[in-house]
Amino acid sequence: MAVGQPRYSKEEFAQRGDLIYETQIRPLVEASDRGKIVAIDIETGAFEIDASEIAACLRLEAHHPDAQIWIVRIGSRYVRRFGERTKRSV
């Protein structure tokens, strides 16, 4: 599999990905999807949802081989978390 080259600056890449997620995808996802990954092609707006980053990206690339992929975790500001984690009290 060939690795695609980025066609946008990091800032524009993030802005485009976040805009597509907030305006087109977020209204469609449900609470049952919380914690899953959304892989978004920032050029076409096409997306795939899966519990696995790799599975979502592979499915998206199967339909859009030259996709510029932005990844979002539903219900979180972060895709991954590093370091210590504190539990929330309910």
C-alpha atoms as a PDB file:
ATOM      1  CA  MET A   1       0.000   0.000   0.000  1.00  0.00           C
ATOM      2  CA  ALA A   2       1.435   3.355  -1.021  1.00  0.00           C
ATOM      3  CA  VAL A   3       1.454   6.169   1.488  1.00  0.00           C
ATOM      4  CA  GLY A   4      -0.346   9.295   0.251  1.00  0.00           C
ATOM      5  CA  GLN A   5       1.351  12.633   0.548  1.00  0.00           C
ATOM      6  CA  PRO A   6      -0.368  15.425   2.475  1.00  0.00           C
ATOM      7  CA  ARG A   7      -1.678  18.198   0.262  1.00  0.00           C
ATOM      8  CA  TYR A   8      -2.503  20.641   3.055  1.00  0.00           C
ATOM      9  CA  SER A   9      -0.710  22.304   5.937  1.00  0.00           C
ATOM     10  CA  LYS A  10      -1.290  20.727   9.351  1.00  0.00           C
ATOM     11  CA  GLU A  11      -3.500  23.649  10.335  1.00  0.00           C
ATOM     12  CA  GLU A  12      -5.678  23.495   7.207  1.00  0.00           C
ATOM     13  CA  PHE A  13      -5.884  19.698   7.462  1.00  0.00           C
ATOM     14  CA  ALA A  14      -7.207  19.959  11.034  1.00  0.00           C
ATOM     15  CA  GLN A  15      -9.591  22.816  10.223  1.00  0.00           C
ATOM     16  CA  ARG A  16     -11.110  20.963   7.273  1.00  0.00           C
ATOM     17  CA  GLY A  17     -11.448  17.711   9.225  1.00  0.00           C
ATOM     18  CA  ASP A  18     -13.041  19.374  12.253  1.00  0.00           C
ATOM     19  CA  LEU A  19     -15.432  21.415  10.097  1.00  0.00           C
ATOM     20  CA  ILE A  20     -16.656  18.325   8.227  1.00  0.00           C
ATOM     21  CA  TYR A  21     -17.083  16.401  11.486  1.00  0.00           C
ATOM     22  CA  GLU A  22     -18.970  19.191  13.277  1.00  0.00           C
ATOM     23  CA  THR A  23     -21.268  20.170  10.384  1.00  0.00           C
ATOM     24  CA  GLN A  24     -21.894  16.923   8.504  1.00  0.00           C
ATOM     25  CA  ILE A  25     -21.078  13.898  10.665  1.00  0.00           C
ATOM     26  CA  ARG A  26     -21.694  14.809  14.309  1.00  0.00           C
ATOM     27  CA  PRO A  27     -25.448  15.332  13.764  1.00  0.00           C
ATOM     28  CA  LEU A  28     -25.641  11.771  12.344  1.00  0.00           C
ATOM     29  CA  VAL A  29     -23.828   9.821  15.062  1.00  0.00           C
ATOM     30  CA  GLU A  30     -25.645   8.509  18.104  1.00  0.00           C
ATOM     31  CA  ALA A  31     -24.809   7.958  21.762  1.00  0.00           C
ATOM     32  CA  SER A  32     -24.320   4.263  20.951  1.00  0.00           C
ATOM     33  CA  ASP A  33     -21.355   5.290  18.742  1.00  0.00           C
ATOM     34  CA  ARG A  34     -19.577   7.084  21.598  1.00  0.00           C
ATOM     35  CA  GLY A  35     -15.920   6.073  21.748  1.00  0.00           C
ATOM     36  CA  LYS A  36     -15.807   4.808  18.160  1.00  0.00           C
ATOM     37  CA  ILE A  37     -13.500   6.257  15.517  1.00  0.00           C
ATOM     38  CA  VAL A  38     -14.597   8.298  12.509  1.00  0.00           C
ATOM     39  CA  ALA A  39     -12.152   8.343   9.581  1.00  0.00           C
ATOM     40  CA  ILE A  40     -12.954  11.314   7.309  1.00  0.00           C
ATOM     41  CA  ASP A  41     -11.652  12.119   3.828  1.00  0.00           C
ATOM     42  CA  ILE A  42     -11.226  15.889   4.117  1.00  0.00           C
ATOM     43  CA  GLU A  43     -11.542  16.344   0.346  1.00  0.00           C
ATOM     44  CA  THR A  44     -14.757  14.415  -0.344  1.00  0.00           C
ATOM     45  CA  GLY A  45     -16.445  14.374   3.074  1.00  0.00           C
ATOM     46  CA  ALA A  46     -16.745  10.575   2.860  1.00  0.00           C
ATOM     47  CA  PHE A  47     -16.366   8.794   6.196  1.00  0.00           C
ATOM     48  CA  GLU A  48     -16.327   5.425   7.925  1.00  0.00           C
ATOM     49  CA  ILE A  49     -17.071   4.584  11.575  1.00  0.00           C
ATOM     50  CA  ASP A  50     -15.517   1.671  13.460  1.00  0.00           C
ATOM     51  CA  ALA A  51     -14.195   0.770  16.899  1.00  0.00           C
ATOM     52  CA  SER A  52     -10.775   0.328  15.260  1.00  0.00           C
ATOM     53  CA  GLU A  53      -8.823   3.194  13.653  1.00  0.00           C
ATOM     54  CA  ILE A  54      -7.229   0.796  11.205  1.00  0.00           C
ATOM     55  CA  ALA A  55     -10.505  -0.804  10.116  1.00  0.00           C
ATOM     56  CA  ALA A  56     -12.172   2.591   9.584  1.00  0.00           C
ATOM     57  CA  CYS A  57      -9.205   3.880   7.555  1.00  0.00           C
ATOM     58  CA  LEU A  58      -8.929   0.724   5.446  1.00  0.00           C
ATOM     59  CA  ARG A  59     -12.623   0.807   4.548  1.00  0.00           C
ATOM     60  CA  LEU A  60     -12.393   4.500   3.645  1.00  0.00           C
ATOM     61  CA  GLU A  61      -9.286   3.911   1.513  1.00  0.00           C
ATOM     62  CA  ALA A  62     -11.016   1.004  -0.253  1.00  0.00           C
ATOM     63  CA  HIS A  63     -13.580   3.495  -1.631  1.00  0.00           C
ATOM     64  CA  HIS A  64     -11.263   6.534  -1.840  1.00  0.00           C
ATOM     65  CA  PRO A  65      -7.688   5.329  -2.464  1.00  0.00           C
ATOM     66  CA  ASP A  66      -6.227   8.852  -2.433  1.00  0.00           C
ATOM     67  CA  ALA A  67      -8.090   9.948   0.720  1.00  0.00           C
ATOM     68  CA  GLN A  68      -6.639  12.623   2.990  1.00  0.00           C
ATOM     69  CA  ILE A  69      -7.790  11.072   6.288  1.00  0.00           C
ATOM     70  CA  TRP A  70      -8.637  12.972   9.474  1.00  0.00           C
ATOM     71  CA  ILE A  71      -9.543  10.847  12.514  1.00  0.00           C
ATOM     72  CA  VAL A  72     -11.964  11.800  15.310  1.00  0.00           C
ATOM     73  CA  ARG A  73     -13.148   9.804  18.343  1.00  0.00           C
ATOM     74  CA  ILE A  74     -16.899  10.266  18.818  1.00  0.00           C
ATOM     75  CA  GLY A  75     -17.676  12.026  22.109  1.00  0.00           C
ATOM     76  CA  SER A  76     -14.073  13.010  22.848  1.00  0.00           C
ATOM     77  CA  ARG A  77     -11.687  15.826  22.065  1.00  0.00           C
ATOM     78  CA  TYR A  78      -8.864  13.285  21.796  1.00  0.00           C
ATOM     79  CA  VAL A  79      -8.289  10.238  19.615  1.00  0.00           C
ATOM     80  CA  ARG A  80      -5.687   8.861  22.044  1.00  0.00           C
ATOM     81  CA  ARG A  81      -4.684   9.667  25.594  1.00  0.00           C
ATOM     82  CA  PHE A  82      -1.127   9.433  26.894  1.00  0.00           C
ATOM     83  CA  GLY A  83      -0.009   9.319  30.485  1.00  0.00           C
ATOM     84  CA  GLU A  84      -1.939   8.974  33.694  1.00  0.00           C
ATOM     85  CA  ARG A  85      -5.700   8.856  33.608  1.00  0.00           C
ATOM     86  CA  THR A  86      -7.982   9.860  36.455  1.00  0.00           C
ATOM     87  CA  LYS A  87     -11.414   8.342  36.904  1.00  0.00           C
ATOM     88  CA  ARG A  88     -14.411  10.640  36.827  1.00  0.00           C
ATOM     89  CA  SER A  89     -16.781  10.429  39.747  1.00  0.00           C
ATOM     90  CA  VAL A  90     -20.408  10.243  38.735  1.00  0.00           C
END
